[in-house]
Amino acid sequence: GDTLVLTDWGIYPIRDLGDPNGPEIQSLDVGVVQEAGRVSRSAYFYNGGVQPTFSYETRSGYRLEGTGNHRVRVMTPEGTVDWKRLDEIRPGDYLAVNRSSSFWPEDYLDVRPYHNARGRKDLTLPEKLTEDLGLLLGYLVGDGTWGTRLSVEMTVAHDETKAELETLFEKLFGSKGKFLYDSRTASCGNFSFNSVRYREFLHELGYRYDFDRYSKRVPWTIFRSPRSVQAAFLSSLFETDGCAESGGKRVTFSTASERLAREVQVLLTNFGVPASVRSRRVKGYDRLYWDLSIRGTRSRKTFADTIGFRTSKKTSILLGSFREGGREGSNAESVPAQKPWVRRLIASVPSNLNRAGRVRSKLQEVFGNCYKPNLREELTYIRMREALSLARELGATDSEALEHFEELLRTDYFYDPVVRVGTGEAPVYDLNVPDGESFVANGVTNHNTTISACISAYETYKLINLGDPQRYYGLPASNTIQLISVATDRDQAGLLYQEVSGHFSKCAFFAPYTANNTQAYARFQSPKDIERYGSFSENMNAKATLKVTFRSCIAK
């Protein structure tokens, strides 16, 4: 239920998109994002109740939990991206993390419903959650004192931060607040703003006084905000507990709250910045702290361009790292299992060219060691893009290989190996997205397989409830109404039909209307069928005019 789904309303825990205490199938019209940033809309929310679950965690800390037949995108050993069930995922499988989503709400969040009349009546509160309020929330989440109820307080470590906070408070609330220097340091001190009205307002926005450093999290209002506000929040948050380490070649953020670290990871991934989350035990506290790390030139450059730090010192260290060359320790740009495809592309350069061997060697040079079977070096996106261009220039003829690499560049996944799998039991939820049959959640592309069977059961229920569905739709009384769901292959059609058969057999509603339920289809009588032809339970020749099937389709 905590799985974070990207929608055009904002980022929501999947359970909050419907009613967890409501019916199994609920209507839901919300925009979702799919593979490579494609946008679609959901039709239904599925409330599956408590079921056995399977889970995984990748090397970078991306996690997901769901039913065994829930499917996600992975890189196969054959070097192609495909769906894989959660109960089939094993350590070493490469999960495809979707970093091309770039999906946010368009409008500022209206925060007037969270105003209050406590304290001084002459003080004003913002009406919209703008970039300025996003900046303030980032500073408070990072360095603020969460438990205070009568004032807003935070530690300030730089004069630049002090000046920005004074400006923010004056713009947002009409007063600069107070700052007291710590006599032990040159610029560190405590910033405070005494107002029960402002503190209550910020509490309602998600900077809650009933949380502490170990339970703090991204304010819910930030999840509902547009791109520019989320960028402002992350920028000030990284300014508080973030660093540009190793000469700027690693951007880090540390926190005592695991939940905050994982939520920030989801926010960053939506910006195209994959990040790793790892725990470490801090001596003297006997507690785990959580370190979020951004590596690799592309990821750090995207962070610098779209988010960045607030102070000149951290910014200069980060930007300075881009002026230095050399190899960096990051797998964010590696694409595993591509050696056979690389060799196919090289071999397809026409041999009738003059000095074909030398021509092919140009392509080999661009690929580097990526085509050599005995070396472990993987293909990178940079090499792939350059090699694809050169291969076309040289007249490569393997159209399947060319299309394969074009598709990899289009989807632009970050491939992260699974390091742990597990089982459990939990409430499960899903979305039905008719166009595209998928949605991005927790950074990965999820297939909505399970709910397809639920929709079939629900549509059957609606037909029976019509009483005389043929009359309702203007059809001859003897006409069969057939519900056909199309699956991507024969095996999948069989699995889906098994699921919908389970819904029919477990739900007492269907029992009086069930005619026959085979391994290929199910037939039902409507109330009018029973009136016209008699009940199937008493006469097995009684006509049933409702039929449900799942069929496969391999059309591209």
Protein backbone atom coordinates (compact mmCIF):
# COMPACT_ATOMS: atom_id res chain seq x y z
CA GLY A 1 0.00 0.00 0.00
CA ASP A 2 3.00 2.34 0.40
CA THR A 3 4.03 1.94 -3.26
CA LEU A 4 4.35 5.47 -4.71
CA VAL A 5 2.51 5.97 -8.01
CA LEU A 6 3.24 8.90 -10.34
CA THR A 7 -0.06 10.55 -11.35
CA ASP A 8 -1.19 13.88 -12.76
CA TRP A 9 -2.58 14.60 -9.27
CA GLY A 10 0.90 14.12 -7.83
CA ILE A 11 2.73 11.20 -6.23
CA TYR A 12 0.34 9.02 -4.21
CA PRO A 13 0.67 5.85 -2.13
CA ILE A 14 -1.33 3.42 -4.23
CA ARG A 15 -3.79 2.70 -1.39
CA ASP A 16 -4.76 6.40 -1.31
CA LEU A 17 -5.94 6.33 -4.93
CA GLY A 18 -9.01 4.37 -3.86
CA ASP A 19 -10.86 3.31 -0.75
CA PRO A 20 -8.97 0.49 1.02
CA ASN A 21 -12.18 -0.36 2.88
CA GLY A 22 -14.33 -0.18 -0.25
CA PRO A 23 -15.31 -2.74 -2.90
CA GLU A 24 -12.84 -4.81 -4.90
CA ILE A 25 -13.29 -2.75 -8.09
CA GLN A 26 -13.61 1.04 -7.92
CA SER A 27 -13.77 3.56 -10.76
CA LEU A 28 -10.66 5.74 -11.02
CA ASP A 29 -9.85 8.25 -13.75
CA VAL A 30 -6.35 9.60 -13.16
CA GLY A 31 -3.40 10.27 -15.44
CA VAL A 32 -0.44 7.89 -15.09
CA VAL A 33 2.93 7.66 -16.79
CA GLN A 34 4.28 4.60 -18.57
CA GLU A 35 7.50 3.46 -20.23
CA ALA A 36 9.65 6.25 -21.74
CA GLY A 37 7.37 9.00 -20.41
CA ARG A 38 4.22 7.95 -22.29
CA VAL A 39 1.08 9.25 -20.55
CA SER A 40 -2.17 7.30 -20.22
CA ARG A 41 -5.21 7.19 -17.92
CA SER A 42 -6.50 4.63 -15.47
CA ALA A 43 -10.04 3.27 -15.46
CA TYR A 44 -10.26 1.32 -12.20
CA PHE A 45 -8.67 0.87 -8.79
CA TYR A 46 -8.36 -2.70 -7.52
CA ASN A 47 -8.61 -3.46 -3.80
CA GLY A 48 -7.37 -7.02 -3.50
CA GLY A 49 -7.41 -7.43 0.29
CA VAL A 50 -4.68 -9.26 2.18
CA GLN A 51 -2.82 -11.75 0.00
CA PRO A 52 0.53 -13.60 -0.06
CA THR A 53 3.19 -11.31 -1.52
CA PHE A 54 6.62 -11.42 -3.12
CA SER A 55 9.16 -8.60 -2.83
CA TYR A 56 12.58 -7.59 -4.09
CA GLU A 57 15.26 -5.00 -3.40
CA THR A 58 17.91 -3.91 -5.87
CA ARG A 59 21.53 -2.96 -5.26
CA SER A 60 20.56 0.72 -5.27
CA GLY A 61 17.69 0.14 -2.85
CA TYR A 62 14.69 0.21 -5.20
CA ARG A 63 11.91 -1.92 -3.71
CA LEU A 64 8.53 -3.35 -4.65
CA GLU A 65 6.08 -5.80 -3.09
CA GLY A 66 3.08 -7.41 -4.77
CA THR A 67 1.31 -10.64 -5.62
CA GLY A 68 3.28 -13.37 -7.35
CA ASN A 69 1.69 -12.78 -10.75
CA HIS A 70 2.35 -9.01 -10.68
CA ARG A 71 4.83 -8.21 -13.45
CA VAL A 72 7.60 -5.63 -13.84
CA ARG A 73 10.10 -4.78 -16.58
CA VAL A 74 13.51 -6.49 -16.45
CA MET A 75 16.50 -7.00 -18.72
CA THR A 76 16.52 -10.67 -19.75
CA PRO A 77 19.69 -12.78 -20.15
CA GLU A 78 19.06 -12.54 -23.92
CA GLY A 79 19.56 -8.78 -23.76
CA THR A 80 15.94 -7.71 -24.32
CA VAL A 81 13.56 -5.86 -22.00
CA ASP A 82 10.54 -7.96 -21.05
CA TRP A 83 7.97 -8.56 -18.31
CA LYS A 84 8.72 -10.86 -15.39
CA ARG A 85 6.48 -12.03 -12.56
CA LEU A 86 7.48 -11.13 -9.01
CA ASP A 87 7.46 -14.79 -7.96
CA GLU A 88 10.02 -15.51 -10.70
CA ILE A 89 12.49 -12.71 -9.86
CA ARG A 90 15.78 -13.90 -8.40
CA PRO A 91 18.95 -12.19 -7.13
CA GLY A 92 21.05 -11.19 -10.14
CA ASP A 93 18.08 -10.26 -12.33
CA TYR A 94 18.34 -6.73 -13.69
CA LEU A 95 15.38 -4.53 -12.85
CA ALA A 96 14.56 -1.77 -15.35
CA VAL A 97 14.26 1.49 -13.38
CA ASN A 98 12.23 4.11 -15.26
CA ARG A 99 14.12 7.42 -15.18
CA SER A 100 12.32 9.01 -18.15
CA SER A 101 9.01 9.72 -16.40
CA SER A 102 9.24 13.51 -15.88
CA PHE A 103 5.62 13.54 -14.69
CA TRP A 104 4.23 16.14 -12.30
CA PRO A 105 1.01 18.08 -11.62
CA GLU A 106 0.78 21.28 -13.62
CA ASP A 107 -0.68 23.71 -11.07
CA TYR A 108 0.43 25.06 -7.71
CA LEU A 109 -1.33 23.38 -4.78
CA ASP A 110 -4.02 25.53 -3.15
CA VAL A 111 -3.17 25.65 0.57
CA ARG A 112 -6.00 27.93 1.71
CA PRO A 113 -7.96 24.96 3.16
CA TYR A 114 -5.08 24.57 5.68
CA HIS A 115 -5.19 28.13 7.00
CA ASN A 116 -6.08 28.67 10.65
CA ALA A 117 -7.08 31.63 12.81
CA ARG A 118 -4.89 30.90 15.80
CA GLY A 119 -2.64 33.56 17.36
CA ARG A 120 -2.21 37.03 15.91
CA LYS A 121 -4.91 38.02 13.44
CA ASP A 122 -2.71 40.50 11.54
CA LEU A 123 -0.44 37.76 10.16
CA THR A 124 -1.08 36.37 6.67
CA LEU A 125 -0.56 32.91 5.21
CA PRO A 126 0.34 31.95 1.60
CA GLU A 127 -2.52 30.86 -0.66
CA LYS A 128 -0.44 28.64 -2.98
CA LEU A 129 2.48 26.29 -2.40
CA THR A 130 5.00 28.08 -4.61
CA GLU A 131 8.73 27.60 -5.07
CA ASP A 132 9.42 29.84 -2.06
CA LEU A 133 7.30 27.71 0.25
CA GLY A 134 8.86 24.58 -1.28
CA LEU A 135 12.33 25.96 -0.42
CA LEU A 136 11.25 26.65 3.16
CA LEU A 137 9.82 23.15 3.59
CA GLY A 138 13.07 21.63 2.31
CA TYR A 139 15.12 23.59 4.85
CA LEU A 140 12.72 22.63 7.66
CA VAL A 141 12.59 18.93 6.78
CA GLY A 142 16.39 18.81 6.76
CA ASP A 143 17.42 21.02 9.68
CA GLY A 144 14.18 22.05 11.38
CA THR A 145 13.10 21.10 14.90
CA TRP A 146 10.09 18.91 14.17
CA GLY A 147 8.63 18.63 17.68
CA THR A 148 8.02 22.33 18.42
CA ARG A 149 4.35 23.43 18.50
CA LEU A 150 4.60 27.18 19.19
CA SER A 151 7.35 28.27 16.80
CA VAL A 152 9.35 27.39 13.72
CA GLU A 153 12.99 26.63 14.52
CA MET A 154 15.98 25.32 12.59
CA THR A 155 19.76 25.16 12.67
CA VAL A 156 21.60 27.32 10.13
CA ALA A 157 25.20 26.61 9.12
CA HIS A 158 25.93 29.27 6.46
CA ASP A 159 25.46 33.00 6.13
CA GLU A 160 23.98 32.44 2.65
CA THR A 161 21.34 30.16 4.17
CA LYS A 162 20.57 32.71 6.90
CA ALA A 163 20.05 35.45 4.29
CA GLU A 164 17.82 33.24 2.15
CA LEU A 165 15.69 32.21 5.14
CA GLU A 166 15.18 35.83 6.17
CA THR A 167 14.08 36.65 2.62
CA LEU A 168 11.73 33.64 2.47
CA PHE A 169 10.02 34.42 5.77
CA GLU A 170 9.59 38.05 4.86
CA LYS A 171 8.06 37.16 1.45
CA LEU A 172 5.84 34.39 2.81
CA PHE A 173 4.84 35.73 6.23
CA GLY A 174 5.89 39.38 6.39
CA SER A 175 8.67 39.01 9.01
CA LYS A 176 12.33 37.96 8.91
CA GLY A 177 12.29 35.97 12.16
CA LYS A 178 15.16 35.87 14.66
CA PHE A 179 18.68 34.48 14.40
CA LEU A 180 21.02 33.72 17.31
CA TYR A 181 24.66 32.86 16.55
CA ASP A 182 26.33 29.93 18.25
CA SER A 183 29.36 31.39 20.04
CA ARG A 184 31.34 28.21 19.34
CA THR A 185 31.29 28.67 15.55
CA ALA A 186 31.79 31.47 13.04
CA SER A 187 28.47 31.32 11.19
CA CYS A 188 26.33 28.52 12.71
CA GLY A 189 23.30 29.47 14.74
CA ASN A 190 19.60 28.99 15.38
CA PHE A 191 16.84 30.56 13.31
CA SER A 192 13.40 30.91 14.89
CA PHE A 193 10.02 32.36 14.05
CA ASN A 194 7.58 32.51 16.96
CA SER A 195 4.02 31.97 15.76
CA VAL A 196 1.60 29.22 16.73
CA ARG A 197 -0.44 30.12 13.64
CA TYR A 198 2.46 29.52 11.25
CA ARG A 199 3.54 26.35 13.05
CA GLU A 200 0.02 24.89 12.82
CA PHE A 201 -0.14 25.82 9.13
CA LEU A 202 3.15 24.06 8.39
CA HIS A 203 2.00 21.06 10.43
CA GLU A 204 -1.02 20.71 8.13
CA LEU A 205 1.26 20.94 5.07
CA GLY A 206 3.26 17.93 6.29
CA TYR A 207 6.01 19.45 8.46
CA ARG A 208 4.41 17.75 11.44
CA TYR A 209 5.19 18.34 15.10
CA ASP A 210 4.26 14.72 15.95
CA PHE A 211 7.23 13.41 13.91
CA ASP A 212 10.90 13.35 14.86
CA ARG A 213 14.23 12.89 13.07
CA TYR A 214 13.67 9.14 12.78
CA SER A 215 10.13 9.28 11.40
CA LYS A 216 10.23 12.47 9.30
CA ARG A 217 9.27 12.26 5.66
CA VAL A 218 8.62 14.29 2.52
CA PRO A 219 5.58 16.51 3.22
CA TRP A 220 2.51 15.22 1.42
CA THR A 221 1.99 18.66 -0.15
CA ILE A 222 5.36 18.40 -1.93
CA PHE A 223 4.22 15.15 -3.55
CA ARG A 224 1.19 17.05 -4.91
CA SER A 225 3.24 19.96 -6.29
CA PRO A 226 4.58 20.74 -9.79
CA ARG A 227 8.12 20.18 -11.01
CA SER A 228 9.52 23.60 -10.04
CA VAL A 229 8.28 23.29 -6.43
CA GLN A 230 9.66 19.77 -6.02
CA ALA A 231 13.01 20.95 -7.43
CA ALA A 232 13.09 23.85 -4.94
CA PHE A 233 12.29 21.48 -2.05
CA LEU A 234 15.05 19.03 -3.04
CA SER A 235 17.55 21.86 -3.52
CA SER A 236 17.15 23.22 0.01
CA LEU A 237 16.89 19.70 1.49
CA PHE A 238 20.24 18.74 -0.07
CA GLU A 239 21.70 22.01 1.20
CA THR A 240 20.95 20.96 4.77
CA ASP A 241 22.21 17.37 4.98
CA GLY A 242 23.69 16.92 1.51
CA CYS A 243 27.28 17.10 0.31
CA ALA A 244 29.37 17.15 -2.85
CA GLU A 245 32.01 14.55 -1.92
CA SER A 246 35.11 13.17 -3.65
CA GLY A 247 35.74 16.45 -5.41
CA GLY A 248 32.10 16.67 -6.45
CA LYS A 249 32.02 13.25 -8.12
CA ARG A 250 29.50 11.97 -5.60
CA VAL A 251 26.44 13.86 -4.36
CA THR A 252 25.15 12.50 -1.05
CA PHE A 253 22.35 13.06 1.43
CA SER A 254 22.19 11.52 4.92
CA THR A 255 19.24 11.12 7.27
CA ALA A 256 18.11 9.17 10.32
CA SER A 257 14.78 8.47 8.58
CA GLU A 258 14.66 5.51 6.20
CA ARG A 259 11.28 6.66 4.89
CA LEU A 260 12.62 10.11 3.99
CA ALA A 261 15.58 8.58 2.13
CA ARG A 262 13.36 6.27 0.07
CA GLU A 263 10.82 8.98 -0.74
CA VAL A 264 13.61 11.33 -1.88
CA GLN A 265 14.90 8.50 -4.09
CA VAL A 266 11.49 8.36 -5.84
CA LEU A 267 11.45 12.16 -6.31
CA LEU A 268 14.96 12.16 -7.79
CA THR A 269 14.21 9.25 -10.15
CA ASN A 270 11.29 11.22 -11.60
CA PHE A 271 13.81 13.99 -12.41
CA GLY A 272 15.99 11.44 -14.26
CA VAL A 273 18.46 11.05 -11.38
CA PRO A 274 18.83 7.42 -10.20
CA ALA A 275 20.15 7.31 -6.63
CA SER A 276 21.22 4.53 -4.27
CA VAL A 277 19.98 4.19 -0.70
CA ARG A 278 22.08 2.27 1.83
CA SER A 279 22.11 2.00 5.61
CA ARG A 280 25.02 2.37 8.03
CA ARG A 281 25.23 1.98 11.79
CA VAL A 282 26.50 5.08 13.57
CA LYS A 283 28.81 4.42 16.51
CA GLY A 284 27.65 5.90 19.79
CA TYR A 285 23.98 6.07 18.72
CA ASP A 286 23.44 2.36 18.02
CA ARG A 287 21.03 3.33 15.25
CA LEU A 288 20.93 3.02 11.50
CA TYR A 289 21.38 6.11 9.36
CA TRP A 290 20.55 6.20 5.67
CA ASP A 291 22.82 7.50 2.94
CA LEU A 292 21.50 8.45 -0.47
CA SER A 293 24.13 8.72 -3.18
CA ILE A 294 24.17 10.08 -6.75
CA ARG A 295 27.06 8.93 -8.95
CA GLY A 296 28.04 9.20 -12.58
CA THR A 297 28.50 12.25 -14.78
CA ARG A 298 25.07 12.14 -16.38
CA SER A 299 23.15 11.77 -13.10
CA ARG A 300 25.16 14.46 -11.32
CA LYS A 301 24.86 16.79 -14.30
CA THR A 302 21.08 16.32 -14.35
CA PHE A 303 20.99 17.01 -10.61
CA ALA A 304 23.07 20.17 -11.07
CA ASP A 305 20.91 21.41 -13.97
CA THR A 306 17.47 20.67 -12.50
CA ILE A 307 17.95 20.81 -8.70
CA GLY A 308 21.40 21.83 -7.45
CA PHE A 309 22.59 23.19 -4.11
CA ARG A 310 21.75 26.59 -2.62
CA THR A 311 25.16 27.81 -1.38
CA SER A 312 28.08 28.79 -3.59
CA LYS A 313 30.55 26.48 -1.81
CA LYS A 314 28.69 23.22 -2.51
CA THR A 315 27.69 24.39 -5.98
CA SER A 316 31.28 25.23 -6.99
CA ILE A 317 32.53 21.80 -5.84
CA LEU A 318 29.84 20.02 -7.87
CA LEU A 319 30.32 22.11 -11.01
CA GLY A 320 34.09 21.83 -10.75
CA SER A 321 33.88 18.04 -11.02
CA PHE A 322 32.57 18.33 -14.59
CA ARG A 323 35.77 20.06 -15.70
CA GLU A 324 37.80 17.01 -14.74
CA GLY A 325 38.07 13.90 -16.89
CA GLY A 326 38.59 10.29 -15.94
CA ARG A 327 36.44 7.24 -15.33
CA GLU A 328 33.84 7.43 -12.56
CA GLY A 329 32.52 4.61 -10.42
CA SER A 330 28.91 4.32 -11.57
CA ASN A 331 26.82 1.68 -13.32
CA ALA A 332 23.95 4.06 -14.07
CA GLU A 333 24.87 4.16 -17.76
CA SER A 334 25.59 0.44 -18.25
CA VAL A 335 23.26 -1.78 -20.25
CA PRO A 336 23.81 -5.47 -19.37
CA ALA A 337 23.65 -8.57 -21.59
CA GLN A 338 24.32 -6.77 -24.89
CA LYS A 339 27.45 -8.59 -26.18
CA PRO A 340 25.57 -10.89 -28.61
CA TRP A 341 23.65 -7.93 -30.03
CA VAL A 342 26.86 -5.91 -30.38
CA ARG A 343 28.56 -8.74 -32.29
CA ARG A 344 25.51 -9.11 -34.54
CA LEU A 345 25.61 -5.42 -35.42
CA ILE A 346 29.36 -5.49 -36.17
CA ALA A 347 28.96 -8.59 -38.35
CA SER A 348 26.21 -6.92 -40.38
CA VAL A 349 28.52 -4.25 -41.84
CA PRO A 350 28.62 -5.17 -45.58
CA SER A 351 31.66 -7.27 -46.47
CA ASN A 352 31.76 -6.01 -50.07
CA LEU A 353 33.13 -2.65 -48.97
CA ASN A 354 36.78 -2.01 -49.69
CA ARG A 355 38.89 -3.12 -46.77
CA ALA A 356 35.77 -4.28 -44.90
CA GLY A 357 37.84 -5.52 -41.99
CA ARG A 358 39.22 -2.04 -41.38
CA VAL A 359 35.71 -0.55 -41.68
CA ARG A 360 34.38 -2.99 -39.11
CA SER A 361 37.29 -2.20 -36.83
CA LYS A 362 36.00 1.39 -36.63
CA LEU A 363 32.77 0.07 -35.15
CA GLN A 364 34.68 -2.26 -32.87
CA GLU A 365 36.74 0.67 -31.65
CA VAL A 366 33.62 2.60 -30.71
CA PHE A 367 32.21 -0.42 -28.85
CA GLY A 368 35.51 -0.89 -27.02
CA ASN A 369 35.65 -4.17 -25.11
CA CYS A 370 31.87 -4.49 -25.03
CA TYR A 371 31.82 -7.06 -27.86
CA LYS A 372 34.55 -9.32 -26.44
CA PRO A 373 32.90 -12.37 -24.82
CA ASN A 374 35.63 -13.02 -22.24
CA LEU A 375 35.68 -9.49 -20.80
CA ARG A 376 33.15 -8.20 -18.27
CA GLU A 377 32.89 -4.63 -19.57
CA GLU A 378 29.26 -3.73 -20.35
CA LEU A 379 27.93 -1.49 -23.08
CA THR A 380 27.11 2.07 -22.02
CA TYR A 381 24.51 4.46 -23.42
CA ILE A 382 27.26 6.81 -24.60
CA ARG A 383 28.94 4.07 -26.65
CA MET A 384 25.58 2.76 -27.86
CA ARG A 385 24.49 6.13 -29.22
CA GLU A 386 27.80 6.72 -31.02
CA ALA A 387 28.00 3.15 -32.35
CA LEU A 388 24.43 3.19 -33.67
CA SER A 389 25.12 6.34 -35.65
CA LEU A 390 28.35 4.89 -37.09
CA ALA A 391 26.71 1.54 -37.89
CA ARG A 392 24.08 3.26 -40.02
CA GLU A 393 26.79 5.30 -41.74
CA LEU A 394 28.69 2.10 -42.54
CA GLY A 395 25.55 0.47 -43.95
CA ALA A 396 24.87 -2.15 -41.27
CA THR A 397 22.15 -4.49 -42.57
CA ASP A 398 20.85 -6.21 -39.41
CA SER A 399 17.60 -4.27 -39.05
CA GLU A 400 16.57 -6.21 -35.94
CA ALA A 401 19.80 -5.28 -34.16
CA LEU A 402 19.48 -1.64 -35.23
CA GLU A 403 15.88 -1.50 -33.97
CA HIS A 404 16.92 -3.25 -30.77
CA PHE A 405 19.47 -0.55 -29.88
CA GLU A 406 17.08 2.22 -30.92
CA GLU A 407 14.50 0.83 -28.51
CA LEU A 408 17.04 0.67 -25.68
CA LEU A 409 17.90 4.33 -26.28
CA ARG A 410 14.22 5.28 -26.43
CA THR A 411 13.27 3.62 -23.13
CA ASP A 412 16.52 4.80 -21.44
CA TYR A 413 16.19 2.50 -18.43
CA PHE A 414 18.63 2.34 -15.55
CA TYR A 415 19.35 -1.37 -15.03
CA ASP A 416 19.83 -2.29 -11.37
CA PRO A 417 20.58 -5.85 -10.19
CA VAL A 418 18.29 -7.47 -7.62
CA VAL A 419 20.16 -8.39 -4.43
CA ARG A 420 17.33 -9.63 -2.18
CA VAL A 421 13.94 -11.27 -2.59
CA GLY A 422 11.38 -12.16 0.02
CA THR A 423 7.83 -13.30 0.75
CA GLY A 424 5.15 -12.04 3.07
CA GLU A 425 1.52 -11.11 3.37
CA ALA A 426 -0.02 -7.67 2.91
CA PRO A 427 -3.01 -5.75 1.53
CA VAL A 428 -2.57 -5.46 -2.24
CA TYR A 429 -3.82 -2.85 -4.70
CA ASP A 430 -3.56 -2.35 -8.45
CA LEU A 431 -4.65 -0.01 -11.23
CA ASN A 432 -6.34 -0.82 -14.52
CA VAL A 433 -4.91 1.23 -17.41
CA PRO A 434 -6.68 0.15 -20.62
CA ASP A 435 -4.32 2.03 -22.97
CA GLY A 436 -0.83 0.64 -22.42
CA GLU A 437 -1.70 -1.72 -19.54
CA SER A 438 1.05 -0.33 -17.29
CA PHE A 439 2.01 2.46 -14.89
CA VAL A 440 5.18 3.67 -13.15
CA ALA A 441 5.37 3.19 -9.37
CA ASN A 442 8.39 3.12 -7.04
CA GLY A 443 10.49 3.94 -10.08
CA VAL A 444 9.60 0.82 -12.08
CA THR A 445 7.12 0.00 -14.87
CA ASN A 446 4.34 -2.19 -13.48
CA HIS A 447 1.91 -4.30 -15.52
CA ASN A 448 -1.76 -4.28 -14.49
CA THR A 449 -2.32 -7.99 -15.20
CA THR A 450 -4.24 -8.91 -12.05
CA ILE A 451 -6.95 -6.34 -12.46
CA SER A 452 -7.79 -7.47 -16.02
CA ALA A 453 -9.40 -10.58 -14.57
CA CYS A 454 -11.21 -8.47 -11.97
CA ILE A 455 -12.61 -6.21 -14.68
CA SER A 456 -13.96 -9.24 -16.56
CA ALA A 457 -15.67 -10.47 -13.39
CA TYR A 458 -17.04 -6.99 -12.70
CA GLU A 459 -18.44 -6.57 -16.24
CA THR A 460 -20.09 -10.00 -15.95
CA TYR A 461 -21.64 -8.89 -12.66
CA LYS A 462 -23.02 -5.74 -14.34
CA LEU A 463 -24.54 -7.73 -17.23
CA ILE A 464 -26.31 -10.10 -14.84
CA ASN A 465 -27.59 -7.17 -12.79
CA LEU A 466 -29.25 -5.73 -15.89
CA GLY A 467 -31.72 -8.60 -15.70
CA ASP A 468 -32.34 -8.68 -19.44
CA PRO A 469 -29.09 -7.45 -21.03
CA GLN A 470 -30.23 -8.27 -24.59
CA ARG A 471 -33.20 -5.93 -24.23
CA TYR A 472 -30.99 -3.27 -22.63
CA TYR A 473 -28.62 -3.32 -25.63
CA GLY A 474 -31.36 -3.75 -28.24
CA LEU A 475 -30.36 -7.30 -29.25
CA PRO A 476 -32.47 -10.33 -30.17
CA ALA A 477 -33.42 -12.31 -27.06
CA SER A 478 -31.45 -15.40 -28.13
CA ASN A 479 -28.19 -13.57 -28.98
CA THR A 480 -25.11 -14.47 -26.94
CA ILE A 481 -23.27 -11.57 -25.34
CA GLN A 482 -19.58 -12.40 -25.11
CA LEU A 483 -16.91 -10.68 -23.00
CA ILE A 484 -13.51 -11.23 -24.66
CA SER A 485 -10.29 -10.09 -22.99
CA VAL A 486 -7.18 -10.12 -25.17
CA ALA A 487 -3.83 -11.15 -23.69
CA THR A 488 -0.34 -10.79 -25.14
CA ASP A 489 0.23 -14.56 -25.54
CA ARG A 490 -1.45 -17.91 -25.01
CA ASP A 491 0.13 -18.59 -21.62
CA GLN A 492 -0.95 -15.18 -20.33
CA ALA A 493 -4.49 -15.74 -21.60
CA GLY A 494 -4.59 -19.00 -19.64
CA LEU A 495 -3.33 -17.35 -16.46
CA LEU A 496 -5.86 -14.56 -16.72
CA TYR A 497 -8.71 -16.97 -17.30
CA GLN A 498 -7.65 -18.99 -14.24
CA GLU A 499 -7.83 -15.81 -12.20
CA VAL A 500 -11.27 -14.75 -13.42
CA SER A 501 -12.52 -18.31 -12.84
CA GLY A 502 -11.33 -17.96 -9.26
CA HIS A 503 -13.37 -14.78 -8.85
CA PHE A 504 -16.46 -16.54 -10.21
CA SER A 505 -16.08 -19.58 -7.94
CA LYS A 506 -15.32 -17.60 -4.76
CA CYS A 507 -18.13 -15.07 -5.13
CA ALA A 508 -21.54 -16.34 -4.01
CA PHE A 509 -23.29 -13.84 -6.29
CA PHE A 510 -22.41 -15.82 -9.44
CA ALA A 511 -23.49 -19.27 -8.16
CA PRO A 512 -27.22 -19.12 -9.18
CA TYR A 513 -26.31 -17.88 -12.68
CA THR A 514 -23.32 -20.15 -13.51
CA ALA A 515 -24.08 -22.50 -16.40
CA ASN A 516 -20.69 -24.07 -16.99
CA ASN A 517 -17.13 -23.03 -16.19
CA THR A 518 -14.58 -24.91 -18.31
CA GLN A 519 -10.81 -24.44 -18.74
CA ALA A 520 -11.44 -22.25 -21.80
CA TYR A 521 -14.59 -20.23 -21.09
CA ALA A 522 -17.40 -19.57 -18.64
CA ARG A 523 -21.14 -19.32 -19.42
CA PHE A 524 -23.75 -17.58 -17.32
CA GLN A 525 -27.50 -17.18 -17.40
CA SER A 526 -29.08 -13.80 -16.95
CA PRO A 527 -32.22 -13.59 -14.76
CA LYS A 528 -34.21 -13.36 -18.03
CA ASP A 529 -32.53 -16.54 -19.34
CA ILE A 530 -33.69 -18.41 -16.23
CA GLU A 531 -37.19 -17.05 -16.73
CA ARG A 532 -37.24 -18.04 -20.42
CA TYR A 533 -35.31 -21.32 -20.48
CA GLY A 534 -35.23 -22.53 -16.88
CA SER A 535 -32.29 -22.81 -14.53
CA PHE A 536 -29.13 -24.63 -15.65
CA SER A 537 -28.88 -26.18 -12.17
CA GLU A 538 -32.15 -28.04 -12.90
CA ASN A 539 -31.75 -28.55 -16.65
CA MET A 540 -28.25 -28.73 -18.13
CA ASN A 541 -29.72 -27.99 -21.58
CA ALA A 542 -31.06 -24.63 -20.42
CA LYS A 543 -29.73 -21.81 -22.62
CA ALA A 544 -27.10 -19.39 -21.21
CA THR A 545 -26.52 -16.23 -23.25
CA LEU A 546 -23.52 -14.72 -21.41
CA LYS A 547 -20.00 -15.98 -22.17
CA VAL A 548 -16.56 -14.95 -20.84
CA THR A 549 -13.26 -15.84 -22.53
CA PHE A 550 -9.61 -14.78 -22.65
CA ARG A 551 -7.80 -15.00 -25.98
CA SER A 552 -4.26 -14.40 -27.10
CA CYS A 553 -3.09 -11.95 -29.76
CA ILE A 554 0.43 -11.65 -31.14
CA ALA A 555 -0.24 -8.68 -33.41
CA LYS A 556 2.34 -5.90 -33.11
